[in-house]
Amino acid sequence: MPRHITYIVVVSIFTFIFGNWILSITSPDEGKNLDAALRMIERKDFIVPFYNCEYRFEKPPLFYWLTDVSFILFGVNEFSGRIVSGLSALGIAILTYLIGKDLLGKERALIGAIIYATLIHNWVEARAATPEMLLTFFMVLGLYLFLRERFLIGWVALGFAFLAKGPVGVLLPTAVYLLWKRNLRFINIKGTLLFLLIGFSWYGAMLYKFGFSYFYKFFIYENILRYTGHKSIHPYPFWYYLPIVLASMLFYLPKLPFLLRRWNRKLNPLLLWFLFVLIFYSLARNKLHHYVLFLYPPLALMLANYTGRRYVLGTLSLSFLVLLSLFLYAEKVESERFVPKAVELIRREEPERLFFYRTENSAIVFYTRRCIEKVERREDIPEGSFIILKERDIERLRRVRVLLRGREFGRELALVRLE
């Protein structure tokens, strides 16, 4: 393995993978994704995703499939549930180096990869059981292969990106390539056929099985209506991503004046890449912080052009100290969380009936391996049932015995028995 790649791998293992098992699974996204993945193994059905015994049409299956491989290899645990994202982030760091090597040279490319590994937002998403890092890896891989004029394999990578999250996995990297190279050489018949074969195979099976109901839920609702805001789920202002990006590059804020005052025109393709992703997601009416992961490789390489080896080594040392502190804090948070205590109690008591009342927690669904119905009315809950609810809703039920109270990332939850 080349020396620079070895450095990147060692750094990335610590910044992206180490400690990913400290916090138990969180809700909602991690629990839903991992429950869907594990139910594929349990049901021996790797086509139709289920969460909590209901169809889960929101996400394509690639993350589930790779997580199933991880479960088989490493067992069902937090490490195996999150390792796909960690390895994806490691792969992106290497691709950042490879893209930067052609544009900036080996030394600056290495610095860029280390900067990528020390952007705080990446630490979080690399330890999350969500498909965003996997999607970003295949988008960056596809773009890199296009830039190297390996168009056939590039389309294969974009086929997997399409299986990771959907249309955005193709739209963003091809748009960035067009801004960078200003030609259509990436379009060819063989590549397009390979993309359709890989990318649309699973979608075809789902459309055959469920017809328009699946087409509407995924392609129209989850992509078009959520982007345009016709279905408002996470409405945030246009500038929502700016503080996220600035907070992520906290260690490199002193370099921003150099980047702005001493701009090097050879960085223009990277700037176009960064701005396109930022503006694309800023224009969306629904926003989530992890949507913009695709803009961090060009940001890291732009900063690398103005960051020396001594500075990045100091930042790397500081990152290790900050991460170790975060690991210790995560252990404290874990000891006080509601979910692990509730799961232990449910497993011990094995209640015949268990409900969510006016709330839901997918991590509990994943850990208990039960189908837990969500109800809105007290009349729908039989006496003797165990109920998970927000603490403030206890008074709505009357005549309950509180078995457990606890905090779950700022929410006060309780587990009660209806008397």
Protein backbone atom coordinates (compact mmCIF):
# COMPACT_ATOMS: atom_id res chain seq x y z
CA MET A 1 0.00 0.00 0.00
CA PRO A 2 1.46 3.43 -0.93
CA ARG A 3 2.71 5.44 2.05
CA HIS A 4 0.23 8.28 1.68
CA ILE A 5 -2.72 5.88 1.43
CA THR A 6 -1.49 4.13 4.58
CA TYR A 7 -1.48 7.45 6.45
CA ILE A 8 -5.02 8.19 5.29
CA VAL A 9 -6.28 4.74 6.30
CA VAL A 10 -4.75 4.95 9.79
CA VAL A 11 -6.15 8.43 10.42
CA SER A 12 -9.56 7.52 9.00
CA ILE A 13 -9.93 4.41 11.16
CA PHE A 14 -9.67 6.61 14.23
CA THR A 15 -11.73 9.56 13.00
CA PHE A 16 -14.45 7.55 11.25
CA ILE A 17 -14.69 4.10 12.86
CA PHE A 18 -13.15 3.87 16.33
CA GLY A 19 -15.74 4.19 19.09
CA ASN A 20 -18.76 3.76 16.82
CA TRP A 21 -20.09 1.18 19.28
CA ILE A 22 -20.19 3.44 22.35
CA LEU A 23 -23.70 4.82 21.80
CA SER A 24 -26.46 2.31 21.31
CA ILE A 25 -28.65 2.76 18.23
CA THR A 26 -30.53 6.05 18.03
CA SER A 27 -33.96 6.89 16.67
CA PRO A 28 -35.44 7.55 14.15
CA ASP A 29 -33.16 6.94 11.16
CA GLU A 30 -30.66 4.45 12.59
CA GLY A 31 -33.32 2.27 14.15
CA LYS A 32 -35.45 2.21 10.99
CA ASN A 33 -32.52 1.43 8.69
CA LEU A 34 -31.10 -1.34 10.88
CA ASP A 35 -34.48 -2.86 11.61
CA ALA A 36 -35.16 -2.98 7.86
CA ALA A 37 -31.77 -4.58 7.22
CA LEU A 38 -32.16 -7.22 9.94
CA ARG A 39 -35.70 -8.08 8.89
CA MET A 40 -34.38 -8.90 5.42
CA ILE A 41 -32.27 -11.62 7.02
CA GLU A 42 -35.06 -12.78 9.30
CA ARG A 43 -37.65 -12.91 6.49
CA LYS A 44 -35.16 -14.18 3.90
CA ASP A 45 -36.52 -11.48 1.59
CA PHE A 46 -33.85 -9.14 0.23
CA ILE A 47 -36.16 -7.29 -2.13
CA VAL A 48 -38.97 -5.78 -0.06
CA PRO A 49 -37.82 -3.72 2.96
CA PHE A 50 -39.90 -3.78 6.13
CA TYR A 51 -39.70 -1.65 9.25
CA ASN A 52 -41.78 -2.52 12.30
CA CYS A 53 -43.64 -5.07 10.15
CA GLU A 54 -44.74 -2.46 7.61
CA TYR A 55 -43.43 -1.75 4.12
CA ARG A 56 -40.54 0.72 4.10
CA PHE A 57 -40.58 2.42 0.69
CA GLU A 58 -38.53 5.48 1.73
CA LYS A 59 -35.04 4.16 0.95
CA PRO A 60 -33.43 1.91 -1.70
CA PRO A 61 -31.77 -1.30 -0.49
CA LEU A 62 -27.99 -0.98 -0.97
CA PHE A 63 -27.33 0.15 2.61
CA TYR A 64 -29.52 -2.69 3.89
CA TRP A 65 -27.71 -5.28 1.79
CA LEU A 66 -24.23 -4.20 2.83
CA THR A 67 -25.32 -3.98 6.46
CA ASP A 68 -26.66 -7.52 6.21
CA VAL A 69 -23.21 -8.65 5.06
CA SER A 70 -21.75 -6.85 8.07
CA PHE A 71 -24.27 -8.50 10.42
CA ILE A 72 -23.32 -11.92 9.04
CA LEU A 73 -19.59 -11.22 9.40
CA PHE A 74 -19.51 -9.38 12.74
CA GLY A 75 -22.80 -10.24 14.41
CA VAL A 76 -25.74 -7.96 15.11
CA ASN A 77 -24.33 -5.07 17.12
CA GLU A 78 -23.63 -1.34 16.95
CA PHE A 79 -20.21 -1.77 15.33
CA SER A 80 -21.53 -3.91 12.48
CA GLY A 81 -24.55 -1.66 12.03
CA ARG A 82 -22.39 1.44 11.53
CA ILE A 83 -19.28 0.04 9.83
CA VAL A 84 -20.69 0.58 6.31
CA SER A 85 -20.77 4.34 6.90
CA GLY A 86 -17.31 4.33 8.49
CA LEU A 87 -15.71 2.43 5.62
CA SER A 88 -17.51 4.67 3.13
CA ALA A 89 -16.01 7.76 4.80
CA LEU A 90 -12.57 6.13 4.70
CA GLY A 91 -13.05 5.48 0.99
CA ILE A 92 -14.06 9.10 0.40
CA ALA A 93 -10.88 10.28 2.15
CA ILE A 94 -8.81 8.14 -0.24
CA LEU A 95 -10.77 9.43 -3.25
CA THR A 96 -10.23 13.00 -2.04
CA TYR A 97 -6.50 12.28 -2.14
CA LEU A 98 -6.69 10.75 -5.62
CA ILE A 99 -8.69 13.68 -7.04
CA GLY A 100 -6.39 16.18 -5.35
CA LYS A 101 -3.23 14.44 -6.56
CA ASP A 102 -4.07 15.18 -10.18
CA LEU A 103 -5.04 18.78 -9.46
CA LEU A 104 -2.72 19.89 -6.63
CA GLY A 105 0.06 17.32 -6.39
CA LYS A 106 0.69 14.53 -3.88
CA GLU A 107 1.64 16.67 -0.89
CA ARG A 108 -1.39 18.96 -1.06
CA ALA A 109 -3.62 15.99 -1.84
CA LEU A 110 -2.48 14.23 1.33
CA ILE A 111 -3.18 17.36 3.35
CA GLY A 112 -6.61 17.56 1.70
CA ALA A 113 -7.42 13.98 2.69
CA ILE A 114 -6.35 14.66 6.30
CA ILE A 115 -8.47 17.83 6.34
CA TYR A 116 -11.42 15.79 5.08
CA ALA A 117 -10.87 13.33 7.94
CA THR A 118 -10.87 16.17 10.48
CA LEU A 119 -14.07 17.91 9.36
CA ILE A 120 -16.33 17.47 12.37
CA HIS A 121 -19.54 16.75 10.46
CA ASN A 122 -17.90 13.73 8.86
CA TRP A 123 -17.11 12.24 12.27
CA VAL A 124 -20.80 12.18 13.09
CA GLU A 125 -22.10 10.82 9.80
CA ALA A 126 -19.38 8.15 9.59
CA ARG A 127 -20.76 6.75 12.85
CA ALA A 128 -24.40 6.82 11.76
CA ALA A 129 -26.28 3.84 10.37
CA THR A 130 -27.70 5.86 7.49
CA PRO A 131 -27.13 5.63 3.70
CA GLU A 132 -25.73 9.15 3.24
CA MET A 133 -22.02 8.28 3.56
CA LEU A 134 -22.47 5.26 1.29
CA LEU A 135 -24.24 7.45 -1.26
CA THR A 136 -21.47 10.06 -1.06
CA PHE A 137 -18.77 7.42 -1.55
CA PHE A 138 -20.30 6.17 -4.80
CA MET A 139 -20.96 9.71 -6.04
CA VAL A 140 -17.34 10.73 -5.43
CA LEU A 141 -16.12 7.44 -6.94
CA GLY A 142 -18.25 7.96 -10.05
CA LEU A 143 -17.01 11.54 -10.44
CA TYR A 144 -13.38 10.49 -9.99
CA LEU A 145 -13.72 7.76 -12.62
CA PHE A 146 -15.36 10.21 -15.02
CA LEU A 147 -12.51 12.68 -14.49
CA ARG A 148 -10.06 9.87 -15.27
CA GLU A 149 -12.13 9.14 -18.39
CA ARG A 150 -13.01 5.66 -17.17
CA PHE A 151 -16.60 6.25 -18.10
CA LEU A 152 -17.79 2.64 -18.19
CA ILE A 153 -16.76 1.90 -14.59
CA GLY A 154 -17.95 5.35 -13.61
CA TRP A 155 -21.46 4.46 -14.69
CA VAL A 156 -21.24 1.29 -12.59
CA ALA A 157 -20.40 3.43 -9.56
CA LEU A 158 -23.35 5.74 -10.27
CA GLY A 159 -25.59 2.69 -10.60
CA PHE A 160 -24.69 1.81 -7.02
CA ALA A 161 -25.21 5.44 -5.99
CA PHE A 162 -28.71 5.19 -7.45
CA LEU A 163 -29.28 2.04 -5.38
CA ALA A 164 -28.00 3.85 -2.29
CA LYS A 165 -30.37 6.83 -2.29
CA GLY A 166 -32.02 7.40 -5.65
CA PRO A 167 -31.87 10.03 -8.44
CA VAL A 168 -29.67 12.47 -6.51
CA GLY A 169 -26.85 9.90 -6.70
CA VAL A 170 -26.67 10.45 -10.46
CA LEU A 171 -27.74 14.07 -10.77
CA LEU A 172 -25.06 15.63 -8.56
CA PRO A 173 -21.90 13.89 -9.84
CA THR A 174 -22.86 14.27 -13.51
CA ALA A 175 -23.66 17.95 -12.96
CA VAL A 176 -20.31 18.49 -11.24
CA TYR A 177 -18.52 16.73 -14.11
CA LEU A 178 -20.25 18.99 -16.62
CA LEU A 179 -19.23 22.09 -14.66
CA TRP A 180 -15.67 20.80 -14.41
CA LYS A 181 -15.05 19.47 -17.93
CA ARG A 182 -17.83 21.13 -19.95
CA ASN A 183 -18.31 18.15 -22.26
CA LEU A 184 -20.67 15.20 -22.66
CA ARG A 185 -18.04 12.51 -23.15
CA PHE A 186 -19.33 10.58 -20.13
CA ILE A 187 -22.51 9.70 -22.04
CA ASN A 188 -22.18 6.40 -23.89
CA ILE A 189 -24.45 3.50 -24.70
CA LYS A 190 -22.55 0.76 -22.81
CA GLY A 191 -22.23 2.88 -19.69
CA THR A 192 -25.89 3.84 -19.75
CA LEU A 193 -26.93 0.21 -20.18
CA LEU A 194 -24.75 -0.86 -17.26
CA PHE A 195 -26.20 1.93 -15.14
CA LEU A 196 -29.75 0.86 -16.00
CA LEU A 197 -28.96 -2.80 -15.33
CA ILE A 198 -27.47 -2.09 -11.90
CA GLY A 199 -29.34 0.99 -10.82
CA PHE A 200 -32.86 0.08 -11.95
CA SER A 201 -32.87 -3.66 -11.28
CA TRP A 202 -34.29 -3.42 -7.76
CA TYR A 203 -36.61 -0.52 -8.63
CA GLY A 204 -38.00 -2.61 -11.46
CA ALA A 205 -38.76 -5.46 -9.08
CA MET A 206 -40.51 -3.08 -6.66
CA LEU A 207 -42.53 -1.45 -9.44
CA TYR A 208 -43.57 -4.87 -10.71
CA LYS A 209 -44.68 -5.91 -7.23
CA PHE A 210 -46.32 -2.68 -5.99
CA GLY A 211 -46.98 -0.61 -9.09
CA PHE A 212 -47.89 3.06 -8.77
CA SER A 213 -48.04 3.00 -4.95
CA TYR A 214 -44.27 2.45 -4.81
CA PHE A 215 -43.59 4.86 -7.70
CA TYR A 216 -45.52 7.62 -5.93
CA LYS A 217 -44.02 7.01 -2.48
CA PHE A 218 -40.39 6.95 -3.56
CA PHE A 219 -39.96 8.90 -6.79
CA ILE A 220 -42.68 11.53 -6.34
CA TYR A 221 -43.09 11.92 -2.58
CA GLU A 222 -39.55 11.21 -1.32
CA ASN A 223 -37.77 13.07 -4.14
CA ILE A 224 -39.87 15.61 -6.05
CA LEU A 225 -42.43 16.69 -3.44
CA ARG A 226 -39.92 16.85 -0.59
CA TYR A 227 -37.46 18.88 -2.66
CA THR A 228 -40.09 21.35 -3.86
CA GLY A 229 -41.72 21.64 -0.46
CA HIS A 230 -45.14 20.37 -1.51
CA LYS A 231 -44.66 17.87 1.33
CA SER A 232 -43.10 19.85 4.16
CA ILE A 233 -41.20 17.64 6.61
CA HIS A 234 -37.98 19.46 7.45
CA PRO A 235 -38.56 23.09 6.42
CA TYR A 236 -35.53 25.27 7.15
CA PRO A 237 -34.37 28.64 5.76
CA PHE A 238 -32.15 29.05 2.71
CA TRP A 239 -29.03 29.66 4.82
CA TYR A 240 -29.53 26.49 6.91
CA TYR A 241 -26.39 24.74 5.65
CA LEU A 242 -23.95 27.64 6.09
CA PRO A 243 -23.56 27.34 9.88
CA ILE A 244 -23.33 23.55 9.53
CA VAL A 245 -20.44 23.81 7.07
CA LEU A 246 -18.69 26.50 9.13
CA ALA A 247 -19.04 24.45 12.31
CA SER A 248 -17.71 21.40 10.50
CA MET A 249 -14.56 23.24 9.41
CA LEU A 250 -14.05 24.75 12.89
CA PHE A 251 -10.34 23.86 12.98
CA TYR A 252 -9.77 25.58 9.64
CA LEU A 253 -11.67 28.85 10.08
CA PRO A 254 -8.34 30.76 10.42
CA LYS A 255 -7.55 29.65 6.85
CA LEU A 256 -10.66 31.20 5.33
CA PRO A 257 -9.13 34.69 4.88
CA PHE A 258 -6.20 33.17 2.96
CA LEU A 259 -8.57 31.20 0.77
CA LEU A 260 -10.62 34.32 -0.02
CA ARG A 261 -7.74 36.80 -0.49
CA ARG A 262 -5.26 34.58 -2.31
CA TRP A 263 -7.55 32.64 -4.59
CA ASN A 264 -5.85 30.32 -7.05
CA ARG A 265 -7.76 29.87 -10.30
CA LYS A 266 -6.77 26.21 -10.56
CA LEU A 267 -9.21 25.65 -7.70
CA ASN A 268 -12.16 26.87 -9.79
CA PRO A 269 -13.47 23.34 -10.56
CA LEU A 270 -13.48 22.56 -6.83
CA LEU A 271 -15.30 25.81 -6.09
CA LEU A 272 -17.94 25.02 -8.70
CA TRP A 273 -18.38 21.56 -7.19
CA PHE A 274 -18.75 23.01 -3.68
CA LEU A 275 -21.13 25.80 -4.70
CA PHE A 276 -23.34 23.62 -6.87
CA VAL A 277 -23.99 21.14 -4.04
CA LEU A 278 -24.50 23.92 -1.51
CA ILE A 279 -26.93 25.86 -3.71
CA PHE A 280 -28.76 22.73 -4.88
CA TYR A 281 -29.63 21.69 -1.35
CA SER A 282 -30.17 25.25 -0.13
CA LEU A 283 -32.89 25.66 -2.75
CA ALA A 284 -34.67 22.55 -1.47
CA ARG A 285 -37.61 23.36 0.78
CA ASN A 286 -36.89 20.36 3.03
CA LYS A 287 -33.40 20.19 4.48
CA LEU A 288 -31.40 17.81 6.67
CA HIS A 289 -27.81 18.34 7.73
CA HIS A 290 -26.45 15.15 6.18
CA TYR A 291 -27.66 15.96 2.67
CA VAL A 292 -24.57 18.11 1.94
CA LEU A 293 -21.83 15.53 2.59
CA PHE A 294 -20.88 15.63 -1.11
CA LEU A 295 -19.44 19.15 -0.74
CA TYR A 296 -16.78 18.24 1.83
CA PRO A 297 -14.19 16.68 -0.54
CA PRO A 298 -13.83 19.88 -2.63
CA LEU A 299 -13.87 22.02 0.52
CA ALA A 300 -11.04 19.94 2.01
CA LEU A 301 -8.95 20.25 -1.16
CA MET A 302 -9.51 24.01 -1.42
CA LEU A 303 -8.36 24.43 2.18
CA ALA A 304 -5.37 22.16 1.51
CA ASN A 305 -3.98 24.68 -0.95
CA TYR A 306 -3.55 27.16 1.94
CA THR A 307 -2.72 24.80 4.80
CA GLY A 308 0.80 23.70 5.66
CA ARG A 309 1.92 20.35 7.02
CA ARG A 310 2.65 21.75 10.51
CA TYR A 311 -0.82 23.27 10.78
CA VAL A 312 -2.58 20.09 9.68
CA LEU A 313 -0.50 17.96 12.08
CA GLY A 314 -1.51 20.28 14.91
CA THR A 315 -5.14 20.00 13.83
CA LEU A 316 -4.83 16.24 13.67
CA SER A 317 -3.50 16.13 17.25
CA LEU A 318 -6.30 18.42 18.40
CA SER A 319 -8.85 16.23 16.60
CA PHE A 320 -7.65 13.16 18.46
CA LEU A 321 -8.02 14.96 21.80
CA VAL A 322 -11.48 16.26 20.90
CA LEU A 323 -12.61 12.82 19.73
CA LEU A 324 -11.36 11.15 22.90
CA SER A 325 -13.28 13.73 24.93
CA LEU A 326 -16.38 13.06 22.84
CA PHE A 327 -16.02 9.32 23.41
CA LEU A 328 -15.94 9.87 27.17
CA TYR A 329 -18.95 12.17 26.94
CA ALA A 330 -20.78 9.60 24.80
CA GLU A 331 -20.22 6.96 27.50
CA LYS A 332 -21.78 9.28 30.07
CA VAL A 333 -24.75 10.00 27.79
CA GLU A 334 -25.21 6.29 27.12
CA SER A 335 -25.33 5.49 30.83
CA GLU A 336 -28.27 7.89 31.24
CA ARG A 337 -30.25 7.07 28.09
CA PHE A 338 -33.80 5.77 28.18
CA VAL A 339 -33.54 3.28 25.31
CA PRO A 340 -31.03 0.76 26.78
CA LYS A 341 -32.91 0.68 30.10
CA ALA A 342 -36.29 0.30 28.41
CA VAL A 343 -35.03 -2.50 26.15
CA GLU A 344 -33.61 -4.37 29.15
CA LEU A 345 -36.90 -4.08 31.03
CA ILE A 346 -38.98 -5.17 28.03
CA ARG A 347 -36.76 -8.17 27.43
CA ARG A 348 -37.01 -9.14 31.10
CA GLU A 349 -40.77 -8.69 31.44
CA GLU A 350 -41.70 -9.96 27.96
CA PRO A 351 -45.05 -8.14 27.93
CA GLU A 352 -47.79 -9.68 25.82
CA ARG A 353 -48.87 -6.26 24.51
CA LEU A 354 -46.58 -3.30 23.89
CA PHE A 355 -47.56 0.02 22.30
CA PHE A 356 -46.19 3.41 21.35
CA TYR A 357 -48.58 6.14 22.48
CA ARG A 358 -48.37 9.39 20.50
CA THR A 359 -44.67 8.79 19.86
CA GLU A 360 -42.33 6.22 18.32
CA ASN A 361 -38.78 5.00 18.89
CA SER A 362 -37.27 2.90 16.13
CA ALA A 363 -34.25 1.90 18.23
CA ILE A 364 -36.56 0.04 20.63
CA VAL A 365 -38.20 -1.70 17.67
CA PHE A 366 -34.77 -2.79 16.44
CA TYR A 367 -33.48 -4.05 19.78
CA THR A 368 -36.63 -5.85 20.95
CA ARG A 369 -37.32 -7.49 17.55
CA ARG A 370 -41.01 -6.81 18.07
CA CYS A 371 -43.68 -5.13 16.00
CA ILE A 372 -44.85 -2.25 18.18
CA GLU A 373 -48.10 -0.60 17.17
CA LYS A 374 -48.39 3.16 17.41
CA VAL A 375 -51.70 4.41 18.81
CA GLU A 376 -53.15 7.88 19.26
CA ARG A 377 -56.15 7.15 21.51
CA ARG A 378 -56.20 5.74 25.01
CA GLU A 379 -59.32 3.70 24.13
CA ASP A 380 -57.25 1.61 21.70
CA ILE A 381 -54.97 0.27 24.45
CA PRO A 382 -56.09 -2.84 26.42
CA GLU A 383 -55.55 -2.94 30.16
CA GLY A 384 -52.30 -4.53 31.24
CA SER A 385 -50.44 -3.25 28.19
CA PHE A 386 -46.94 -1.81 28.37
CA ILE A 387 -46.76 1.64 26.80
CA ILE A 388 -43.87 3.82 25.64
CA LEU A 389 -44.74 7.50 25.59
CA LYS A 390 -43.55 11.02 26.24
CA GLU A 391 -43.54 11.76 29.94
CA ARG A 392 -45.87 14.72 29.51
CA ASP A 393 -48.52 12.40 28.04
CA ILE A 394 -48.76 10.15 31.12
CA GLU A 395 -51.63 12.19 32.54
CA ARG A 396 -53.66 11.53 29.39
CA LEU A 397 -53.85 7.82 30.18
CA ARG A 398 -54.88 7.82 33.87
CA ARG A 399 -54.43 4.75 36.08
CA VAL A 400 -50.95 3.74 34.99
CA ARG A 401 -47.96 2.41 36.86
CA VAL A 402 -44.73 4.08 35.83
CA LEU A 403 -42.02 1.47 35.33
CA LEU A 404 -39.25 3.68 33.94
CA ARG A 405 -38.51 7.31 33.21
CA GLY A 406 -35.53 8.63 31.28
CA ARG A 407 -34.06 11.09 28.83
CA GLU A 408 -33.37 10.33 25.20
CA PHE A 409 -31.43 13.17 23.56
CA GLY A 410 -33.47 15.94 25.11
CA ARG A 411 -36.80 14.08 25.16
CA GLU A 412 -38.37 12.89 28.41
CA LEU A 413 -39.77 9.39 27.82
CA ALA A 414 -41.45 6.83 30.03
CA LEU A 415 -42.42 3.18 30.03
CA VAL A 416 -45.68 2.52 31.88
CA ARG A 417 -48.17 -0.29 32.46
CA LEU A 418 -51.86 0.45 32.00
CA GLU A 419 -53.71 -0.73 35.10
